[in-house]
């Protein structure tokens, strides 16, 4: 089994990332409606390629993580956030998610951040366990923040020092 190769995203990755993102959509982690045609571009002014790291496995993109400054103020420049994370269904269980989270922590550190934060739905147990195993701690919970599939779901705020 080959190891994932993590690299910065390139503009040429857009179509493959868009397909992966749509295929990975689930109410386990998504709060917006299922994407429908016409699909918006994956990259754009608000989501440039420079915010993404991608995982390649056997020459194909198998996942991505998006790291950005959530509040664009100088006083908040020391905090980065994971705001987008997906692993292709066929690549799950092969360490891709863990490699992407570790790469996100290293990237945040390289960009001079002191903290890395994220939000995860309360019912997303696999993701929460992964984040906790990589040093993220629950820093707050917004109870019943989203109504998904007829049930109210907590929004869990997590963070860690980098």
N, C-alpha and C. Protein backbone atom coordinates (compact mmCIF):
# COMPACT_ATOMS: atom_id res chain seq x y z
N UNK A 1 0.85 -1.17 0.00
CA UNK A 1 0.00 0.00 0.00
C UNK A 1 0.90 1.24 0.00
N UNK A 2 0.66 2.15 -0.92
CA UNK A 2 1.49 3.35 -1.00
C UNK A 2 1.04 4.39 0.01
N UNK A 3 1.97 5.28 0.32
CA UNK A 3 1.71 6.36 1.27
C UNK A 3 1.13 7.56 0.50
N UNK A 4 0.26 8.34 1.15
CA UNK A 4 -0.26 9.53 0.48
C UNK A 4 0.83 10.59 0.36
N UNK A 5 0.77 11.32 -0.73
CA UNK A 5 1.67 12.43 -0.99
C UNK A 5 0.85 13.71 -0.80
N UNK A 6 1.25 14.57 0.12
CA UNK A 6 0.53 15.80 0.41
C UNK A 6 1.26 16.95 -0.27
N UNK A 7 0.50 17.77 -0.98
CA UNK A 7 1.08 18.91 -1.70
C UNK A 7 0.08 20.06 -1.74
N UNK A 8 0.56 21.27 -2.05
CA UNK A 8 -0.37 22.39 -2.25
C UNK A 8 -1.24 22.14 -3.48
N UNK A 9 -2.46 22.62 -3.43
CA UNK A 9 -3.35 22.50 -4.59
C UNK A 9 -2.87 23.41 -5.71
N UNK A 10 -3.22 23.01 -6.93
CA UNK A 10 -2.93 23.80 -8.13
C UNK A 10 -4.25 24.08 -8.85
N UNK A 11 -4.29 25.12 -9.62
CA UNK A 11 -5.50 25.45 -10.38
C UNK A 11 -5.97 24.27 -11.21
N UNK A 12 -5.03 23.50 -11.74
CA UNK A 12 -5.37 22.35 -12.58
C UNK A 12 -6.10 21.25 -11.81
N UNK A 13 -6.12 21.31 -10.47
CA UNK A 13 -6.79 20.30 -9.65
C UNK A 13 -8.30 20.56 -9.53
N UNK A 14 -8.76 21.69 -10.03
CA UNK A 14 -10.13 22.12 -9.76
C UNK A 14 -11.19 21.07 -10.10
N UNK A 15 -11.17 20.52 -11.28
CA UNK A 15 -12.21 19.57 -11.68
C UNK A 15 -12.20 18.32 -10.80
N UNK A 16 -11.00 17.77 -10.55
CA UNK A 16 -10.90 16.57 -9.73
C UNK A 16 -11.35 16.84 -8.29
N UNK A 17 -11.00 18.01 -7.75
CA UNK A 17 -11.43 18.36 -6.40
C UNK A 17 -12.93 18.58 -6.33
N UNK A 18 -13.50 19.20 -7.36
CA UNK A 18 -14.95 19.43 -7.38
C UNK A 18 -15.70 18.10 -7.40
N UNK A 19 -15.23 17.15 -8.19
CA UNK A 19 -15.87 15.83 -8.24
C UNK A 19 -15.76 15.12 -6.90
N UNK A 20 -14.59 15.17 -6.29
CA UNK A 20 -14.39 14.57 -4.97
C UNK A 20 -15.32 15.21 -3.94
N UNK A 21 -15.39 16.52 -3.95
CA UNK A 21 -16.21 17.24 -2.99
C UNK A 21 -17.68 16.86 -3.12
N UNK A 22 -18.17 16.78 -4.33
CA UNK A 22 -19.59 16.41 -4.53
C UNK A 22 -19.84 14.96 -4.13
N UNK A 23 -18.89 14.07 -4.45
CA UNK A 23 -19.06 12.65 -4.12
C UNK A 23 -19.01 12.42 -2.61
N UNK A 24 -18.24 13.24 -1.90
CA UNK A 24 -18.09 13.06 -0.45
C UNK A 24 -19.21 13.73 0.34
N UNK A 25 -20.09 14.49 -0.31
CA UNK A 25 -21.14 15.22 0.41
C UNK A 25 -21.99 14.26 1.25
N UNK A 26 -22.25 14.68 2.49
CA UNK A 26 -23.07 13.88 3.40
C UNK A 26 -23.54 14.78 4.54
N UNK A 27 -24.73 14.50 5.08
CA UNK A 27 -25.19 15.27 6.23
C UNK A 27 -24.40 14.89 7.49
N UNK A 28 -23.49 13.94 7.39
CA UNK A 28 -22.61 13.66 8.52
C UNK A 28 -21.70 14.85 8.78
N UNK A 29 -21.35 15.59 7.70
CA UNK A 29 -20.44 16.72 7.86
C UNK A 29 -20.87 17.99 7.14
N UNK A 30 -21.84 17.92 6.25
CA UNK A 30 -22.24 19.10 5.48
C UNK A 30 -23.52 19.71 6.04
N UNK A 31 -23.55 21.03 6.13
CA UNK A 31 -24.74 21.72 6.61
C UNK A 31 -25.49 22.42 5.48
N UNK A 32 -24.84 22.56 4.34
CA UNK A 32 -25.51 23.16 3.19
C UNK A 32 -26.19 22.05 2.38
N UNK A 33 -27.17 22.42 1.56
CA UNK A 33 -27.87 21.40 0.76
C UNK A 33 -26.93 20.67 -0.20
N UNK A 34 -27.34 19.47 -0.59
CA UNK A 34 -26.57 18.69 -1.57
C UNK A 34 -26.37 19.54 -2.83
N UNK A 35 -25.16 19.61 -3.34
CA UNK A 35 -24.90 20.40 -4.55
C UNK A 35 -25.70 19.87 -5.74
N UNK A 36 -26.23 20.78 -6.51
CA UNK A 36 -27.00 20.44 -7.70
C UNK A 36 -26.47 21.27 -8.87
N UNK A 37 -26.58 20.75 -10.09
CA UNK A 37 -26.14 21.54 -11.26
C UNK A 37 -27.01 22.79 -11.40
N UNK A 38 -26.49 23.86 -11.94
CA UNK A 38 -25.09 24.03 -12.36
C UNK A 38 -24.20 24.23 -11.14
N UNK A 39 -23.12 23.50 -11.10
CA UNK A 39 -22.22 23.55 -9.96
C UNK A 39 -21.36 24.80 -10.00
N UNK A 40 -21.17 25.44 -8.85
CA UNK A 40 -20.26 26.60 -8.83
C UNK A 40 -18.82 26.12 -8.95
N UNK A 41 -17.90 26.99 -9.32
CA UNK A 41 -16.49 26.60 -9.38
C UNK A 41 -16.01 26.17 -8.00
N UNK A 42 -15.09 25.22 -7.95
CA UNK A 42 -14.51 24.79 -6.68
C UNK A 42 -13.61 25.89 -6.12
N UNK A 43 -12.75 26.42 -6.98
CA UNK A 43 -11.89 27.54 -6.59
C UNK A 43 -12.58 28.84 -6.96
N UNK A 44 -12.23 29.89 -6.25
CA UNK A 44 -12.78 31.20 -6.55
C UNK A 44 -12.09 32.24 -5.69
N UNK A 45 -12.60 33.44 -5.74
CA UNK A 45 -12.01 34.54 -4.98
C UNK A 45 -12.00 34.22 -3.48
N UNK A 46 -13.08 33.61 -3.00
CA UNK A 46 -13.19 33.27 -1.57
C UNK A 46 -12.47 31.97 -1.23
N UNK A 47 -12.18 31.13 -2.22
CA UNK A 47 -11.54 29.83 -1.99
C UNK A 47 -10.43 29.59 -3.01
N UNK A 48 -9.33 30.36 -2.93
CA UNK A 48 -8.25 30.19 -3.91
C UNK A 48 -7.46 28.90 -3.68
N UNK A 49 -6.79 28.40 -4.71
CA UNK A 49 -6.01 27.17 -4.56
C UNK A 49 -5.00 27.22 -3.41
N UNK A 50 -4.46 28.40 -3.11
CA UNK A 50 -3.46 28.54 -2.06
C UNK A 50 -3.94 28.17 -0.67
N UNK A 51 -5.25 28.03 -0.47
CA UNK A 51 -5.78 27.65 0.84
C UNK A 51 -5.90 26.13 1.00
N UNK A 52 -5.60 25.38 -0.03
CA UNK A 52 -5.83 23.93 -0.02
C UNK A 52 -4.54 23.14 -0.06
N UNK A 53 -4.54 22.04 0.68
CA UNK A 53 -3.54 20.99 0.53
C UNK A 53 -4.30 19.78 0.01
N UNK A 54 -3.69 19.04 -0.90
CA UNK A 54 -4.33 17.84 -1.43
C UNK A 54 -3.48 16.62 -1.13
N UNK A 55 -4.16 15.51 -1.00
CA UNK A 55 -3.49 14.22 -0.81
C UNK A 55 -3.62 13.44 -2.10
N UNK A 56 -2.48 13.00 -2.61
CA UNK A 56 -2.47 12.14 -3.79
C UNK A 56 -2.16 10.72 -3.33
N UNK A 57 -2.85 9.77 -3.92
CA UNK A 57 -2.60 8.36 -3.65
C UNK A 57 -2.63 7.66 -4.99
N UNK A 58 -1.55 7.00 -5.32
CA UNK A 58 -1.44 6.30 -6.61
C UNK A 58 -1.74 7.23 -7.78
N UNK A 59 -1.24 8.48 -7.69
CA UNK A 59 -1.36 9.44 -8.79
C UNK A 59 -2.70 10.14 -8.92
N UNK A 60 -3.63 9.90 -7.99
CA UNK A 60 -4.94 10.54 -8.04
C UNK A 60 -5.19 11.31 -6.75
N UNK A 61 -5.98 12.37 -6.83
CA UNK A 61 -6.33 13.12 -5.64
C UNK A 61 -7.29 12.28 -4.80
N UNK A 62 -6.93 12.05 -3.54
CA UNK A 62 -7.73 11.21 -2.66
C UNK A 62 -8.33 12.00 -1.51
N UNK A 63 -7.97 13.28 -1.39
CA UNK A 63 -8.53 14.09 -0.31
C UNK A 63 -7.96 15.49 -0.34
N UNK A 64 -8.56 16.34 0.48
CA UNK A 64 -8.06 17.71 0.60
C UNK A 64 -8.39 18.26 1.98
N UNK A 65 -7.67 19.30 2.35
CA UNK A 65 -7.97 20.09 3.54
C UNK A 65 -7.79 21.56 3.15
N UNK A 66 -8.70 22.39 3.62
CA UNK A 66 -8.63 23.83 3.35
C UNK A 66 -8.27 24.53 4.65
N UNK A 67 -7.22 25.35 4.61
CA UNK A 67 -6.74 26.10 5.77
C UNK A 67 -6.81 27.58 5.42
N UNK A 68 -7.45 28.36 6.29
CA UNK A 68 -7.60 29.78 6.00
C UNK A 68 -7.61 30.60 7.28
N UNK A 69 -7.48 31.91 7.11
CA UNK A 69 -7.62 32.83 8.23
C UNK A 69 -9.11 33.15 8.35
N UNK A 70 -9.77 32.71 9.43
CA UNK A 70 -11.22 32.86 9.51
C UNK A 70 -11.70 34.29 9.73
N UNK A 71 -10.90 35.08 10.40
CA UNK A 71 -11.24 36.49 10.63
C UNK A 71 -10.10 37.32 10.07
N UNK A 72 -10.33 38.02 8.95
CA UNK A 72 -9.23 38.71 8.26
C UNK A 72 -8.83 40.02 8.92
N UNK A 73 -8.32 39.92 10.14
CA UNK A 73 -7.83 41.07 10.88
C UNK A 73 -6.41 40.78 11.36
N UNK A 74 -5.57 41.81 11.41
CA UNK A 74 -4.19 41.63 11.88
C UNK A 74 -4.18 41.08 13.30
N UNK A 75 -5.13 41.49 14.13
CA UNK A 75 -5.17 41.03 15.51
C UNK A 75 -5.55 39.56 15.64
N UNK A 76 -5.97 38.95 14.52
CA UNK A 76 -6.38 37.54 14.54
C UNK A 76 -5.53 36.70 13.58
N UNK A 77 -4.46 37.27 13.09
CA UNK A 77 -3.62 36.60 12.09
C UNK A 77 -2.92 35.36 12.64
N UNK A 78 -2.84 35.23 13.95
CA UNK A 78 -2.15 34.09 14.56
C UNK A 78 -3.04 32.85 14.64
N UNK A 79 -4.29 32.96 14.18
CA UNK A 79 -5.23 31.84 14.21
C UNK A 79 -5.60 31.46 12.78
N UNK A 80 -5.43 30.19 12.46
CA UNK A 80 -5.91 29.66 11.19
C UNK A 80 -6.97 28.62 11.49
N UNK A 81 -7.80 28.33 10.49
CA UNK A 81 -8.89 27.38 10.68
C UNK A 81 -8.95 26.40 9.52
N UNK A 82 -9.32 25.17 9.86
CA UNK A 82 -9.65 24.19 8.85
C UNK A 82 -11.12 24.44 8.50
N UNK A 83 -11.36 24.79 7.26
CA UNK A 83 -12.73 25.03 6.80
C UNK A 83 -12.94 24.30 5.49
N UNK A 84 -12.87 23.01 5.56
CA UNK A 84 -13.04 22.14 4.41
C UNK A 84 -12.10 20.96 4.53
N UNK A 85 -12.67 19.77 4.45
CA UNK A 85 -11.88 18.56 4.63
C UNK A 85 -12.68 17.42 4.03
N UNK A 86 -12.06 16.66 3.14
CA UNK A 86 -12.75 15.51 2.55
C UNK A 86 -11.74 14.46 2.13
N UNK A 87 -12.16 13.21 2.25
CA UNK A 87 -11.37 12.08 1.78
C UNK A 87 -12.30 11.24 0.90
N UNK A 88 -11.81 10.84 -0.26
CA UNK A 88 -12.59 10.01 -1.18
C UNK A 88 -13.00 8.71 -0.49
N UNK A 89 -14.23 8.29 -0.73
CA UNK A 89 -14.77 7.08 -0.10
C UNK A 89 -13.85 5.88 -0.31
N UNK A 90 -13.36 5.70 -1.53
CA UNK A 90 -12.53 4.53 -1.82
C UNK A 90 -11.15 4.60 -1.18
N UNK A 91 -10.75 5.76 -0.65
CA UNK A 91 -9.43 5.91 -0.04
C UNK A 91 -9.50 5.94 1.49
N UNK A 92 -10.69 5.85 2.06
CA UNK A 92 -10.83 5.91 3.52
C UNK A 92 -10.22 4.68 4.17
N UNK A 93 -9.72 4.90 5.38
CA UNK A 93 -9.09 3.81 6.11
C UNK A 93 -7.64 3.58 5.72
N UNK A 94 -7.08 4.48 4.94
CA UNK A 94 -5.69 4.32 4.48
C UNK A 94 -4.77 5.40 5.02
N UNK A 95 -5.24 6.16 6.02
CA UNK A 95 -4.40 7.17 6.66
C UNK A 95 -4.39 8.52 5.97
N UNK A 96 -5.24 8.70 4.97
CA UNK A 96 -5.27 9.96 4.21
C UNK A 96 -5.72 11.12 5.11
N UNK A 97 -6.81 10.92 5.85
CA UNK A 97 -7.32 11.98 6.72
C UNK A 97 -6.29 12.40 7.75
N UNK A 98 -5.68 11.43 8.38
CA UNK A 98 -4.65 11.73 9.40
C UNK A 98 -3.48 12.48 8.78
N UNK A 99 -3.04 12.05 7.60
CA UNK A 99 -1.93 12.73 6.92
C UNK A 99 -2.31 14.17 6.58
N UNK A 100 -3.54 14.39 6.14
CA UNK A 100 -3.98 15.74 5.83
C UNK A 100 -4.05 16.63 7.07
N UNK A 101 -4.55 16.09 8.18
CA UNK A 101 -4.62 16.88 9.42
C UNK A 101 -3.21 17.22 9.90
N UNK A 102 -2.31 16.26 9.86
CA UNK A 102 -0.93 16.54 10.26
C UNK A 102 -0.29 17.58 9.35
N UNK A 103 -0.56 17.49 8.06
CA UNK A 103 -0.03 18.48 7.11
C UNK A 103 -0.63 19.85 7.38
N UNK A 104 -1.91 19.90 7.76
CA UNK A 104 -2.55 21.19 8.07
C UNK A 104 -1.90 21.83 9.29
N UNK A 105 -1.59 21.03 10.31
CA UNK A 105 -0.92 21.55 11.50
C UNK A 105 0.47 22.08 11.12
N UNK A 106 1.20 21.33 10.33
CA UNK A 106 2.54 21.76 9.90
C UNK A 106 2.45 23.03 9.06
N UNK A 107 1.46 23.10 8.18
CA UNK A 107 1.28 24.29 7.34
C UNK A 107 0.92 25.50 8.18
N UNK A 108 0.04 25.32 9.16
CA UNK A 108 -0.32 26.44 10.05
C UNK A 108 0.92 26.94 10.78
N UNK A 109 1.72 26.02 11.27
CA UNK A 109 2.96 26.39 11.95
C UNK A 109 3.89 27.14 11.00
N UNK A 110 4.02 26.65 9.78
CA UNK A 110 4.89 27.29 8.79
C UNK A 110 4.41 28.69 8.42
N UNK A 111 3.10 28.91 8.49
CA UNK A 111 2.54 30.24 8.19
C UNK A 111 2.59 31.16 9.40
N UNK A 112 3.16 30.70 10.51
CA UNK A 112 3.32 31.54 11.69
C UNK A 112 2.13 31.54 12.63
N UNK A 113 1.19 30.64 12.44
CA UNK A 113 0.02 30.58 13.33
C UNK A 113 0.42 30.03 14.69
N UNK A 114 -0.32 30.40 15.69
CA UNK A 114 -0.15 29.85 17.04
C UNK A 114 -1.26 28.86 17.37
N UNK A 115 -2.40 28.99 16.65
CA UNK A 115 -3.54 28.12 16.90
C UNK A 115 -4.16 27.67 15.58
N UNK A 116 -4.77 26.49 15.61
CA UNK A 116 -5.53 25.96 14.49
C UNK A 116 -6.87 25.51 15.04
N UNK A 117 -7.94 25.97 14.43
CA UNK A 117 -9.28 25.66 14.91
C UNK A 117 -10.08 24.97 13.82
N UNK A 118 -11.22 24.42 14.22
CA UNK A 118 -12.14 23.81 13.27
C UNK A 118 -13.50 23.67 13.93
N UNK A 119 -14.49 23.42 13.12
CA UNK A 119 -15.84 23.11 13.61
C UNK A 119 -16.25 21.79 13.01
N UNK A 120 -16.90 20.96 13.82
CA UNK A 120 -17.32 19.63 13.39
C UNK A 120 -18.70 19.36 13.97
N UNK A 121 -19.53 18.68 13.21
CA UNK A 121 -20.86 18.36 13.70
C UNK A 121 -20.77 17.32 14.81
N UNK A 122 -21.60 17.49 15.83
CA UNK A 122 -21.56 16.62 17.00
C UNK A 122 -21.74 15.15 16.69
N UNK A 123 -22.52 14.84 15.64
CA UNK A 123 -22.77 13.43 15.32
C UNK A 123 -21.69 12.80 14.44
N UNK A 124 -20.68 13.57 14.07
CA UNK A 124 -19.61 13.06 13.20
C UNK A 124 -18.50 12.43 14.07
N UNK A 125 -18.82 11.31 14.66
CA UNK A 125 -17.91 10.63 15.59
C UNK A 125 -16.57 10.28 14.95
N UNK A 126 -16.52 9.74 13.73
CA UNK A 126 -15.20 9.41 13.16
C UNK A 126 -14.28 10.64 13.05
N UNK A 127 -14.81 11.76 12.59
CA UNK A 127 -13.98 12.97 12.47
C UNK A 127 -13.56 13.47 13.84
N UNK A 128 -14.48 13.48 14.79
CA UNK A 128 -14.15 13.97 16.13
C UNK A 128 -13.04 13.12 16.75
N UNK A 129 -13.10 11.81 16.58
CA UNK A 129 -12.06 10.93 17.13
C UNK A 129 -10.71 11.21 16.45
N UNK A 130 -10.73 11.43 15.15
CA UNK A 130 -9.50 11.75 14.43
C UNK A 130 -8.91 13.05 14.97
N UNK A 131 -9.72 14.10 15.06
CA UNK A 131 -9.22 15.39 15.53
C UNK A 131 -8.68 15.28 16.95
N UNK A 132 -9.40 14.60 17.83
CA UNK A 132 -8.93 14.44 19.21
C UNK A 132 -7.61 13.68 19.26
N UNK A 133 -7.46 12.66 18.42
CA UNK A 133 -6.21 11.89 18.41
C UNK A 133 -5.04 12.70 17.88
N UNK A 134 -5.34 13.80 17.19
CA UNK A 134 -4.29 14.67 16.65
C UNK A 134 -4.13 15.95 17.48
N UNK A 135 -4.64 15.92 18.72
CA UNK A 135 -4.38 17.01 19.65
C UNK A 135 -5.42 18.11 19.72
N UNK A 136 -6.50 18.00 18.97
CA UNK A 136 -7.57 19.01 19.05
C UNK A 136 -8.43 18.71 20.28
N UNK A 137 -8.87 19.76 20.95
CA UNK A 137 -9.74 19.63 22.11
C UNK A 137 -11.02 20.41 21.86
N UNK A 138 -12.11 19.95 22.44
CA UNK A 138 -13.38 20.68 22.35
C UNK A 138 -13.23 21.97 23.14
N UNK A 139 -13.53 23.08 22.48
CA UNK A 139 -13.43 24.39 23.12
C UNK A 139 -14.80 25.05 23.30
N UNK A 140 -15.81 24.44 22.72
CA UNK A 140 -17.16 24.96 22.87
C UNK A 140 -18.13 24.14 22.05
N UNK A 141 -19.39 24.19 22.45
CA UNK A 141 -20.44 23.47 21.74
C UNK A 141 -21.62 24.41 21.56
N UNK A 142 -22.13 24.48 20.34
CA UNK A 142 -23.35 25.23 20.04
C UNK A 142 -24.46 24.20 19.91
N UNK A 143 -25.25 24.01 20.97
CA UNK A 143 -26.26 22.94 20.97
C UNK A 143 -27.35 23.16 19.92
N UNK A 144 -27.69 22.10 19.21
CA UNK A 144 -28.78 22.14 18.25
C UNK A 144 -28.64 23.22 17.19
N UNK A 145 -27.43 23.50 16.78
CA UNK A 145 -27.16 24.61 15.85
C UNK A 145 -27.70 24.37 14.43
N UNK A 146 -27.80 23.11 14.03
CA UNK A 146 -28.26 22.78 12.68
C UNK A 146 -29.38 21.75 12.73
N UNK A 147 -30.32 21.87 11.79
CA UNK A 147 -31.39 20.88 11.62
C UNK A 147 -31.05 20.09 10.36
N UNK A 148 -30.66 18.84 10.54
CA UNK A 148 -30.22 17.99 9.44
C UNK A 148 -30.99 16.68 9.47
N UNK A 149 -31.58 16.32 8.37
CA UNK A 149 -32.35 15.07 8.28
C UNK A 149 -33.37 14.96 9.41
N UNK A 150 -33.98 16.08 9.78
CA UNK A 150 -35.03 16.09 10.78
C UNK A 150 -34.56 16.07 12.22
N UNK A 151 -33.26 16.14 12.46
CA UNK A 151 -32.73 16.14 13.82
C UNK A 151 -31.85 17.36 14.05
N UNK A 152 -31.90 17.88 15.26
CA UNK A 152 -31.03 19.00 15.62
C UNK A 152 -29.66 18.45 15.99
N UNK A 153 -28.63 19.09 15.44
CA UNK A 153 -27.26 18.61 15.58
C UNK A 153 -26.39 19.72 16.17
N UNK A 154 -25.55 19.35 17.14
CA UNK A 154 -24.62 20.31 17.75
C UNK A 154 -23.50 20.67 16.78
N UNK A 155 -23.00 21.90 16.91
CA UNK A 155 -21.81 22.35 16.20
C UNK A 155 -20.71 22.41 17.26
N UNK A 156 -19.66 21.62 17.08
CA UNK A 156 -18.60 21.50 18.07
C UNK A 156 -17.37 22.28 17.59
N UNK A 157 -16.91 23.21 18.42
CA UNK A 157 -15.72 24.01 18.11
C UNK A 157 -14.53 23.34 18.77
N UNK A 158 -13.49 23.09 17.97
CA UNK A 158 -12.28 22.44 18.48
C UNK A 158 -11.07 23.27 18.09
N UNK A 159 -9.99 23.11 18.83
CA UNK A 159 -8.77 23.84 18.51
C UNK A 159 -7.58 23.19 19.17
N UNK A 160 -6.41 23.65 18.74
CA UNK A 160 -5.15 23.19 19.33
C UNK A 160 -4.07 24.21 19.04
N UNK A 161 -3.04 24.19 19.85
CA UNK A 161 -1.86 25.01 19.61
C UNK A 161 -1.06 24.34 18.49
N UNK A 162 -0.34 25.16 17.73
CA UNK A 162 0.51 24.61 16.69
C UNK A 162 1.95 25.00 16.98
